[in-house]
Every structure is written in structure tokens, then in C-alpha cells.
PDB file of N, CA and C in Angstrom:
ATOM      1  N   MET A   1      70.615  75.296-108.665  1.00  0.00           N
ATOM      2  CA  MET A   1      69.738  74.244-108.166  1.00  0.00           C
ATOM      3  C   MET A   1      68.325  74.802-108.001  1.00  0.00           C
ATOM      4  N   GLU A   2      67.333  74.053-108.497  1.00  0.00           N
ATOM      5  CA  GLU A   2      65.941  74.491-108.410  1.00  0.00           C
ATOM      6  C   GLU A   2      65.408  74.273-107.003  1.00  0.00           C
ATOM      7  N   SER A   3      64.602  75.228-106.562  1.00  0.00           N
ATOM      8  CA  SER A   3      63.966  75.039-105.259  1.00  0.00           C
ATOM      9  C   SER A   3      62.706  74.203-105.452  1.00  0.00           C
ATOM     10  N   VAL A   4      62.465  73.343-104.512  1.00  0.00           N
ATOM     11  CA  VAL A   4      61.301  72.465-104.563  1.00  0.00           C
ATOM     12  C   VAL A   4      60.147  73.159-103.861  1.00  0.00           C
ATOM     13  N   GLN A   5      59.035  73.279-104.578  1.00  0.00           N
ATOM     14  CA  GLN A   5      57.850  73.903-104.009  1.00  0.00           C
ATOM     15  C   GLN A   5      57.018  72.856-103.276  1.00  0.00           C
ATOM     16  N   PRO A   6      56.530  73.167-102.098  1.00  0.00           N
ATOM     17  CA  PRO A   6      55.703  72.192-101.379  1.00  0.00           C
ATOM     18  C   PRO A   6      54.371  71.992-102.105  1.00  0.00           C
ATOM     19  N   THR A   7      53.851  70.793-101.999  1.00  0.00           N
ATOM     20  CA  THR A   7      52.546  70.494-102.576  1.00  0.00           C
ATOM     21  C   THR A   7      51.468  71.065-101.675  1.00  0.00           C
ATOM     22  N   VAL A   8      50.547  71.789-102.278  1.00  0.00           N
ATOM     23  CA  VAL A   8      49.421  72.346-101.524  1.00  0.00           C
ATOM     24  C   VAL A   8      48.167  71.590-101.959  1.00  0.00           C
ATOM     25  N   PHE A   9      47.535  70.943-101.020  1.00  0.00           N
ATOM     26  CA  PHE A   9      46.340  70.163-101.308  1.00  0.00           C
ATOM     27  C   PHE A   9      45.090  71.005-101.100  1.00  0.00           C
ATOM     28  N   ASN A  10      44.102  70.779-101.976  1.00  0.00           N
ATOM     29  CA  ASN A  10      42.823  71.465-101.794  1.00  0.00           C
ATOM     30  C   ASN A  10      41.964  70.643-100.820  1.00  0.00           C
ATOM     31  N   PRO A  11      40.836  71.185-100.367  1.00  0.00           N
ATOM     32  CA  PRO A  11      40.013  70.467 -99.375  1.00  0.00           C
ATOM     33  C   PRO A  11      39.563  69.080 -99.831  1.00  0.00           C
ATOM     34  N   ALA A  12      39.246  68.913-101.109  1.00  0.00           N
ATOM     35  CA  ALA A  12      38.819  67.593-101.597  1.00  0.00           C
ATOM     36  C   ALA A  12      39.966  66.590-101.491  1.00  0.00           C
ATOM     37  N   GLN A  13      41.165  67.023-101.864  1.00  0.00           N
ATOM     38  CA  GLN A  13      42.318  66.129-101.789  1.00  0.00           C
ATOM     39  C   GLN A  13      42.617  65.743-100.339  1.00  0.00           C
ATOM     40  N   LEU A  14      42.526  66.704 -99.438  1.00  0.00           N
ATOM     41  CA  LEU A  14      42.757  66.412 -98.019  1.00  0.00           C
ATOM     42  C   LEU A  14      41.732  65.421 -97.487  1.00  0.00           C
ATOM     43  N   TYR A  15      40.479  65.608 -97.879  1.00  0.00           N
ATOM     44  CA  TYR A  15      39.423  64.695 -97.446  1.00  0.00           C
ATOM     45  C   TYR A  15      39.711  63.274 -97.946  1.00  0.00           C
ATOM     46  N   LEU A  16      40.056  63.173 -99.240  1.00  0.00           N
ATOM     47  CA  LEU A  16      40.318  61.847 -99.808  1.00  0.00           C
ATOM     48  C   LEU A  16      41.545  61.201 -99.190  1.00  0.00           C
ATOM     49  N   LEU A  17      42.573  61.977 -98.915  1.00  0.00           N
ATOM     50  CA  LEU A  17      43.744  61.414 -98.240  1.00  0.00           C
ATOM     51  C   LEU A  17      43.355  60.843 -96.880  1.00  0.00           C
ATOM     52  N   ASP A  18      42.495  61.557 -96.171  1.00  0.00           N
ATOM     53  CA  ASP A  18      42.034  61.067 -94.873  1.00  0.00           C
ATOM     54  C   ASP A  18      41.249  59.764 -95.037  1.00  0.00           C
ATOM     55  N   VAL A  19      40.338  59.738 -96.013  1.00  0.00           N
ATOM     56  CA  VAL A  19      39.550  58.521 -96.258  1.00  0.00           C
ATOM     57  C   VAL A  19      40.472  57.366 -96.647  1.00  0.00           C
ATOM     58  N   PHE A  20      41.384  57.634 -97.569  1.00  0.00           N
ATOM     59  CA  PHE A  20      42.274  56.573 -98.049  1.00  0.00           C
ATOM     60  C   PHE A  20      43.200  56.062 -96.950  1.00  0.00           C
ATOM     61  N   SER A  21      43.536  56.907 -95.999  1.00  0.00           N
ATOM     62  CA  SER A  21      44.427  56.471 -94.916  1.00  0.00           C
ATOM     63  C   SER A  21      43.755  55.433 -94.023  1.00  0.00           C
ATOM     64  N   ARG A  22      42.441  55.337 -94.101  1.00  0.00           N
ATOM     65  CA  ARG A  22      41.695  54.396 -93.258  1.00  0.00           C
ATOM     66  C   ARG A  22      41.444  53.044 -93.930  1.00  0.00           C
ATOM     67  N   ILE A  23      41.805  52.925 -95.184  1.00  0.00           N
ATOM     68  CA  ILE A  23      41.598  51.664 -95.911  1.00  0.00           C
ATOM     69  C   ILE A  23      42.537  50.607 -95.349  1.00  0.00           C
ATOM     70  N   LYS A  24      41.970  49.480 -94.964  1.00  0.00           N
ATOM     71  CA  LYS A  24      42.754  48.438 -94.296  1.00  0.00           C
ATOM     72  C   LYS A  24      42.885  47.153 -95.111  1.00  0.00           C
ATOM     73  N   SER A  25      42.140  47.040 -96.199  1.00  0.00           N
ATOM     74  CA  SER A  25      42.202  45.791 -96.962  1.00  0.00           C
ATOM     75  C   SER A  25      42.027  46.070 -98.451  1.00  0.00           C
ATOM     76  N   ASP A  26      42.412  45.090 -99.242  1.00  0.00           N
ATOM     77  CA  ASP A  26      42.210  45.184-100.687  1.00  0.00           C
ATOM     78  C   ASP A  26      40.722  45.270-101.019  1.00  0.00           C
ATOM     79  N   GLU A  27      39.901  44.590-100.235  1.00  0.00           N
ATOM     80  CA  GLU A  27      38.458  44.617-100.469  1.00  0.00           C
ATOM     81  C   GLU A  27      37.916  46.038-100.282  1.00  0.00           C
ATOM     82  N   GLU A  28      38.349  46.714 -99.221  1.00  0.00           N
ATOM     83  CA  GLU A  28      37.919  48.095 -99.000  1.00  0.00           C
ATOM     84  C   GLU A  28      38.403  49.003-100.131  1.00  0.00           C
ATOM     85  N   LEU A  29      39.644  48.807-100.573  1.00  0.00           N
ATOM     86  CA  LEU A  29      40.176  49.597-101.675  1.00  0.00           C
ATOM     87  C   LEU A  29      39.357  49.372-102.940  1.00  0.00           C
ATOM     88  N   ASN A  30      39.026  48.124-103.224  1.00  0.00           N
ATOM     89  CA  ASN A  30      38.210  47.818-104.401  1.00  0.00           C
ATOM     90  C   ASN A  30      36.814  48.434-104.299  1.00  0.00           C
ATOM     91  N   ASP A  31      36.252  48.446-103.088  1.00  0.00           N
ATOM     92  CA  ASP A  31      34.947  49.079-102.882  1.00  0.00           C
ATOM     93  C   ASP A  31      35.012  50.582-103.180  1.00  0.00           C
ATOM     94  N   ILE A  32      36.077  51.232-102.709  1.00  0.00           N
ATOM     95  CA  ILE A  32      36.251  52.666-102.960  1.00  0.00           C
ATOM     96  C   ILE A  32      36.444  52.921-104.452  1.00  0.00           C
ATOM     97  N   LYS A  33      37.244  52.090-105.109  1.00  0.00           N
ATOM     98  CA  LYS A  33      37.444  52.232-106.553  1.00  0.00           C
ATOM     99  C   LYS A  33      36.114  52.101-107.294  1.00  0.00           C
ATOM    100  N   GLN A  34      35.282  51.156-106.867  1.00  0.00           N
ATOM    101  CA  GLN A  34      33.984  50.961-107.513  1.00  0.00           C
ATOM    102  C   GLN A  34      33.071  52.160-107.293  1.00  0.00           C
ATOM    103  N   LEU A  35      33.099  52.708-106.082  1.00  0.00           N
ATOM    104  CA  LEU A  35      32.294  53.898-105.791  1.00  0.00           C
ATOM    105  C   LEU A  35      32.691  55.063-106.700  1.00  0.00           C
ATOM    106  N   VAL A  36      33.985  55.281-106.850  1.00  0.00           N
ATOM    107  CA  VAL A  36      34.462  56.377-107.697  1.00  0.00           C
ATOM    108  C   VAL A  36      34.085  56.120-109.152  1.00  0.00           C
ATOM    109  N   SER A  37      34.265  54.897-109.600  1.00  0.00           N
ATOM    110  CA  SER A  37      33.905  54.530-110.969  1.00  0.00           C
ATOM    111  C   SER A  37      32.409  54.729-111.208  1.00  0.00           C
ATOM    112  N   ASP A  38      31.587  54.282-110.283  1.00  0.00           N
ATOM    113  CA  ASP A  38      30.130  54.444-110.411  1.00  0.00           C
ATOM    114  C   ASP A  38      29.743  55.914-110.438  1.00  0.00           C
ATOM    115  N   TYR A  39      30.406  56.727-109.620  1.00  0.00           N
ATOM    116  CA  TYR A  39      30.123  58.163-109.575  1.00  0.00           C
ATOM    117  C   TYR A  39      30.360  58.798-110.941  1.00  0.00           C
ATOM    118  N   TYR A  40      31.527  58.531-111.537  1.00  0.00           N
ATOM    119  CA  TYR A  40      31.836  59.146-112.825  1.00  0.00           C
ATOM    120  C   TYR A  40      30.995  58.567-113.956  1.00  0.00           C
ATOM    121  N   ALA A  41      30.638  57.301-113.870  1.00  0.00           N
ATOM    122  CA  ALA A  41      29.751  56.709-114.880  1.00  0.00           C
ATOM    123  C   ALA A  41      28.377  57.372-114.824  1.00  0.00           C
ATOM    124  N   LYS A  42      27.886  57.636-113.619  1.00  0.00           N
ATOM    125  CA  LYS A  42      26.589  58.296-113.450  1.00  0.00           C
ATOM    126  C   LYS A  42      26.640  59.722-113.997  1.00  0.00           C
ATOM    127  N   LYS A  43      27.735  60.454-113.719  1.00  0.00           N
ATOM    128  CA  LYS A  43      27.893  61.813-114.235  1.00  0.00           C
ATOM    129  C   LYS A  43      27.944  61.811-115.763  1.00  0.00           C
ATOM    130  N   LEU A  44      28.683  60.880-116.337  1.00  0.00           N
ATOM    131  CA  LEU A  44      28.797  60.780-117.791  1.00  0.00           C
ATOM    132  C   LEU A  44      27.441  60.457-118.403  1.00  0.00           C
ATOM    133  N   ASP A  45      26.725  59.521-117.822  1.00  0.00           N
ATOM    134  CA  ASP A  45      25.410  59.133-118.323  1.00  0.00           C
ATOM    135  C   ASP A  45      24.450  60.325-118.305  1.00  0.00           C
ATOM    136  N   ALA A  46      24.483  61.103-117.227  1.00  0.00           N
ATOM    137  CA  ALA A  46      23.609  62.279-117.129  1.00  0.00           C
ATOM    138  C   ALA A  46      23.981  63.307-118.199  1.00  0.00           C
ATOM    139  N   HIS A  47      25.266  63.496-118.434  1.00  0.00           N
ATOM    140  CA  HIS A  47      25.702  64.456-119.443  1.00  0.00           C
ATOM    141  C   HIS A  47      25.308  63.993-120.846  1.00  0.00           C
ATOM    142  N   LEU A  48      25.474  62.710-121.121  1.00  0.00           N
ATOM    143  CA  LEU A  48      25.082  62.177-122.427  1.00  0.00           C
ATOM    144  C   LEU A  48      23.575  62.298-122.633  1.00  0.00           C
ATOM    145  N   ASN A  49      22.795  62.045-121.592  1.00  0.00           N
ATOM    146  CA  ASN A  49      21.343  62.219-121.691  1.00  0.00           C
ATOM    147  C   ASN A  49      20.980  63.672-121.981  1.00  0.00           C
ATOM    148  N   GLN A  50      21.693  64.608-121.350  1.00  0.00           N
ATOM    149  CA  GLN A  50      21.449  66.027-121.595  1.00  0.00           C
ATOM    150  C   GLN A  50      21.763  66.366-123.058  1.00  0.00           C
ATOM    151  N   LEU A  51      22.898  65.880-123.575  1.00  0.00           N
ATOM    152  CA  LEU A  51      23.255  66.136-124.970  1.00  0.00           C
ATOM    153  C   LEU A  51      22.210  65.551-125.916  1.00  0.00           C
ATOM    154  N   TRP A  52      21.718  64.363-125.591  1.00  0.00           N
ATOM    155  CA  TRP A  52      20.689  63.721-126.415  1.00  0.00           C
ATOM    156  C   TRP A  52      19.408  64.560-126.415  1.00  0.00           C
ATOM    157  N   ASN A  53      18.986  64.982-125.221  1.00  0.00           N
ATOM    158  CA  ASN A  53      17.757  65.770-125.097  1.00  0.00           C
ATOM    159  C   ASN A  53      17.863  67.126-125.792  1.00  0.00           C
ATOM    160  N   GLU A  54      19.065  67.690-125.842  1.00  0.00           N
ATOM    161  CA  GLU A  54      19.288  68.975-126.501  1.00  0.00           C
ATOM    162  C   GLU A  54      19.466  68.822-128.013  1.00  0.00           C
ATOM    163  N   GLY A  55      19.548  67.598-128.499  1.00  0.00           N
ATOM    164  CA  GLY A  55      19.723  67.362-129.921  1.00  0.00           C
ATOM    165  C   GLY A  55      21.158  67.442-130.399  1.00  0.00           C
ATOM    166  N   VAL A  56      22.091  67.613-129.477  1.00  0.00           N
ATOM    167  CA  VAL A  56      23.508  67.664-129.838  1.00  0.00           C
ATOM    168  C   VAL A  56      23.999  66.269-130.220  1.00  0.00           C
ATOM    169  N   LEU A  57      23.458  65.280-129.556  1.00  0.00           N
ATOM    170  CA  LEU A  57      23.834  63.887-129.787  1.00  0.00           C
ATOM    171  C   LEU A  57      22.608  63.136-130.303  1.00  0.00           C
ATOM    172  N   ASP A  58      22.800  62.403-131.384  1.00  0.00           N
ATOM    173  CA  ASP A  58      21.722  61.591-131.928  1.00  0.00           C
ATOM    174  C   ASP A  58      22.322  60.304-132.494  1.00  0.00           C
ATOM    175  N   GLN A  59      21.483  59.441-133.028  1.00  0.00           N
ATOM    176  CA  GLN A  59      21.968  58.146-133.508  1.00  0.00           C
ATOM    177  C   GLN A  59      22.984  58.314-134.633  1.00  0.00           C
ATOM    178  N   LYS A  60      22.764  59.291-135.507  1.00  0.00           N
ATOM    179  CA  LYS A  60      23.707  59.531-136.608  1.00  0.00           C
ATOM    180  C   LYS A  60      25.091  59.867-136.065  1.00  0.00           C
ATOM    181  N   ARG A  61      25.140  60.760-135.070  1.00  0.00           N
ATOM    182  CA  ARG A  61      26.436  61.147-134.488  1.00  0.00           C
ATOM    183  C   ARG A  61      27.064  59.979-133.749  1.00  0.00           C
ATOM    184  N   LEU A  62      26.278  59.176-133.052  1.00  0.00           N
ATOM    185  CA  LEU A  62      26.814  57.990-132.378  1.00  0.00           C
ATOM    186  C   LEU A  62      27.430  57.030-133.383  1.00  0.00           C
ATOM    187  N   ASP A  63      26.783  56.858-134.550  1.00  0.00           N
ATOM    188  CA  ASP A  63      27.328  55.991-135.588  1.00  0.00           C
ATOM    189  C   ASP A  63      28.653  56.540-136.118  1.00  0.00           C
ATOM    190  N   GLU A  64      28.731  57.873-136.277  1.00  0.00           N
ATOM    191  CA  GLU A  64      29.980  58.497-136.717  1.00  0.00           C
ATOM    192  C   GLU A  64      31.092  58.270-135.705  1.00  0.00           C
ATOM    193  N   ILE A  65      30.776  58.459-134.441  1.00  0.00           N
ATOM    194  CA  ILE A  65      31.757  58.266-133.372  1.00  0.00           C
ATOM    195  C   ILE A  65      32.218  56.809-133.333  1.00  0.00           C
ATOM    196  N   ASN A  66      31.294  55.893-133.547  1.00  0.00           N
ATOM    197  CA  ASN A  66      31.619  54.472-133.520  1.00  0.00           C
ATOM    198  C   ASN A  66      32.653  54.108-134.582  1.00  0.00           C
ATOM    199  N   ASP A  67      32.633  54.819-135.697  1.00  0.00           N
ATOM    200  CA  ASP A  67      33.557  54.534-136.793  1.00  0.00           C
ATOM    201  C   ASP A  67      34.878  55.290-136.667  1.00  0.00           C
ATOM    202  N   MET A  68      35.006  56.149-135.658  1.00  0.00           N
ATOM    203  CA  MET A  68      36.209  56.972-135.512  1.00  0.00           C
ATOM    204  C   MET A  68      37.299  56.234-134.747  1.00  0.00           C
ATOM    205  N   ASP A  69      38.553  56.608-135.051  1.00  0.00           N
ATOM    206  CA  ASP A  69      39.687  56.209-134.221  1.00  0.00           C
ATOM    207  C   ASP A  69      39.823  57.288-133.154  1.00  0.00           C
ATOM    208  N   LEU A  70      39.245  57.041-131.992  1.00  0.00           N
ATOM    209  CA  LEU A  70      39.181  58.076-130.965  1.00  0.00           C
ATOM    210  C   LEU A  70      40.557  58.450-130.425  1.00  0.00           C
ATOM    211  N   HIS A  71      41.480  57.505-130.392  1.00  0.00           N
ATOM    212  CA  HIS A  71      42.835  57.835-129.944  1.00  0.00           C
ATOM    213  C   HIS A  71      43.470  58.843-130.891  1.00  0.00           C
ATOM    214  N   GLN A  72      43.310  58.620-132.177  1.00  0.00           N
ATOM    215  CA  GLN A  72      43.846  59.557-133.170  1.00  0.00           C
ATOM    216  C   GLN A  72      43.157  60.912-133.049  1.00  0.00           C
ATOM    217  N   TRP A  73      41.862  60.904-132.891  1.00  0.00           N
ATOM    218  CA  TRP A  73      41.107  62.150-132.762  1.00  0.00           C
ATOM    219  C   TRP A  73      41.581  62.947-131.550  1.00  0.00           C
ATOM    220  N   LEU A  74      41.797  62.261-130.420  1.00  0.00           N
ATOM    221  CA  LEU A  74      42.263  62.948-129.218  1.00  0.00           C
ATOM    222  C   LEU A  74      43.662  63.525-129.418  1.00  0.00           C
ATOM    223  N   ARG A  75      44.542  62.779-130.111  1.00  0.00           N
ATOM    224  CA  ARG A  75      45.873  63.305-130.412  1.00  0.00           C
ATOM    225  C   ARG A  75      45.769  64.569-131.259  1.00  0.00           C
ATOM    226  N   GLU A  76      44.894  64.559-132.244  1.00  0.00           N
ATOM    227  CA  GLU A  76      44.712  65.729-133.108  1.00  0.00           C
ATOM    228  C   GLU A  76      44.190  66.919-132.307  1.00  0.00           C
ATOM    229  N   GLN A  77      43.259  66.673-131.385  1.00  0.00           N
ATOM    230  CA  GLN A  77      42.729  67.749-130.552  1.00  0.00           C
ATOM    231  C   GLN A  77      43.829  68.333-129.673  1.00  0.00           C
ATOM    232  N   LYS A  78      44.646  67.453-129.123  1.00  0.00           N
ATOM    233  CA  LYS A  78      45.754  67.903-128.264  1.00  0.00           C
ATOM    234  C   LYS A  78      46.728  68.735-129.091  1.00  0.00           C
ATOM    235  N   ASP A  79      47.028  68.297-130.304  1.00  0.00           N
ATOM    236  CA  ASP A  79      47.935  69.060-131.180  1.00  0.00           C
ATOM    237  C   ASP A  79      47.351  70.435-131.499  1.00  0.00           C
ATOM    238  N   LYS A  80      46.036  70.492-131.768  1.00  0.00           N
ATOM    239  CA  LYS A  80      45.393  71.781-132.028  1.00  0.00           C
ATOM    240  C   LYS A  80      45.493  72.706-130.833  1.00  0.00           C
ATOM    241  N   ASP A  81      45.277  72.148-129.634  1.00  0.00           N
ATOM    242  CA  ASP A  81      45.359  72.940-128.405  1.00  0.00           C
ATOM    243  C   ASP A  81      46.765  73.475-128.202  1.00  0.00           C
ATOM    244  N   ASN A  82      47.762  72.642-128.495  1.00  0.00           N
ATOM    245  CA  ASN A  82      49.163  73.069-128.322  1.00  0.00           C
ATOM    246  C   ASN A  82      49.533  74.168-129.303  1.00  0.00           C
ATOM    247  N   LEU A  83      48.985  74.127-130.514  1.00  0.00           N
ATOM    248  CA  LEU A  83      49.254  75.160-131.508  1.00  0.00           C
ATOM    249  C   LEU A  83      48.586  76.475-131.138  1.00  0.00           C
ATOM    250  N   ALA A  84      47.463  76.403-130.444  1.00  0.00           N
ATOM    251  CA  ALA A  84      46.713  77.595-130.085  1.00  0.00           C
ATOM    252  C   ALA A  84      47.387  78.374-128.965  1.00  0.00           C
ATOM    253  N   VAL A  85      48.258  77.735-128.223  1.00  0.00           N
ATOM    254  CA  VAL A  85      48.900  78.387-127.061  1.00  0.00           C
ATOM    255  C   VAL A  85      50.018  79.268-127.478  1.00  0.00           C
TER     256      VAL A  85
END
């Protein structure tokens, strides 16, 4: 029989558990979800702007990405990563 290891939470997880324990309504939950979504959208936007400014990303590359099957591409990347291990 396998022994069950206790879950160890990091400080961020503990903080979020505390915050989430105080949510009393669906409206509050939706507000928190929106805050998290906005946070990651802002981070992504800043990263994309950095790539654009560095010349890594340009209109030509955006057009190429637009024509790609990103789900297939991600599967291929995952397969490559698994082969490398």
C-alpha cells in the first residue's frame, strides 16, 4: 500500500486559500476570477509588447501564427519535450 504524502502549500497558495475562504457570494467569486484574468492578460500583453519591441514578434510572424493549428503545435511541442527526457 502506498503512503499518502501530505500536501505542502507555498505562501502564495496559503494566502489565496485564506482569500478564497472569505468569498461569500457568486458575485464576489466572479470579481476574483475577473481580477485574476485581468492580471494574466496584462502580463501577457506586456510580454508580447516586449517581444515586438525586441523584433522577435512582427506582423509576418503574427500572420504565420494565425494560420497555424495551435493545438497541434502544442501537442508536437509536448511530444518533443517527452522525447528529450
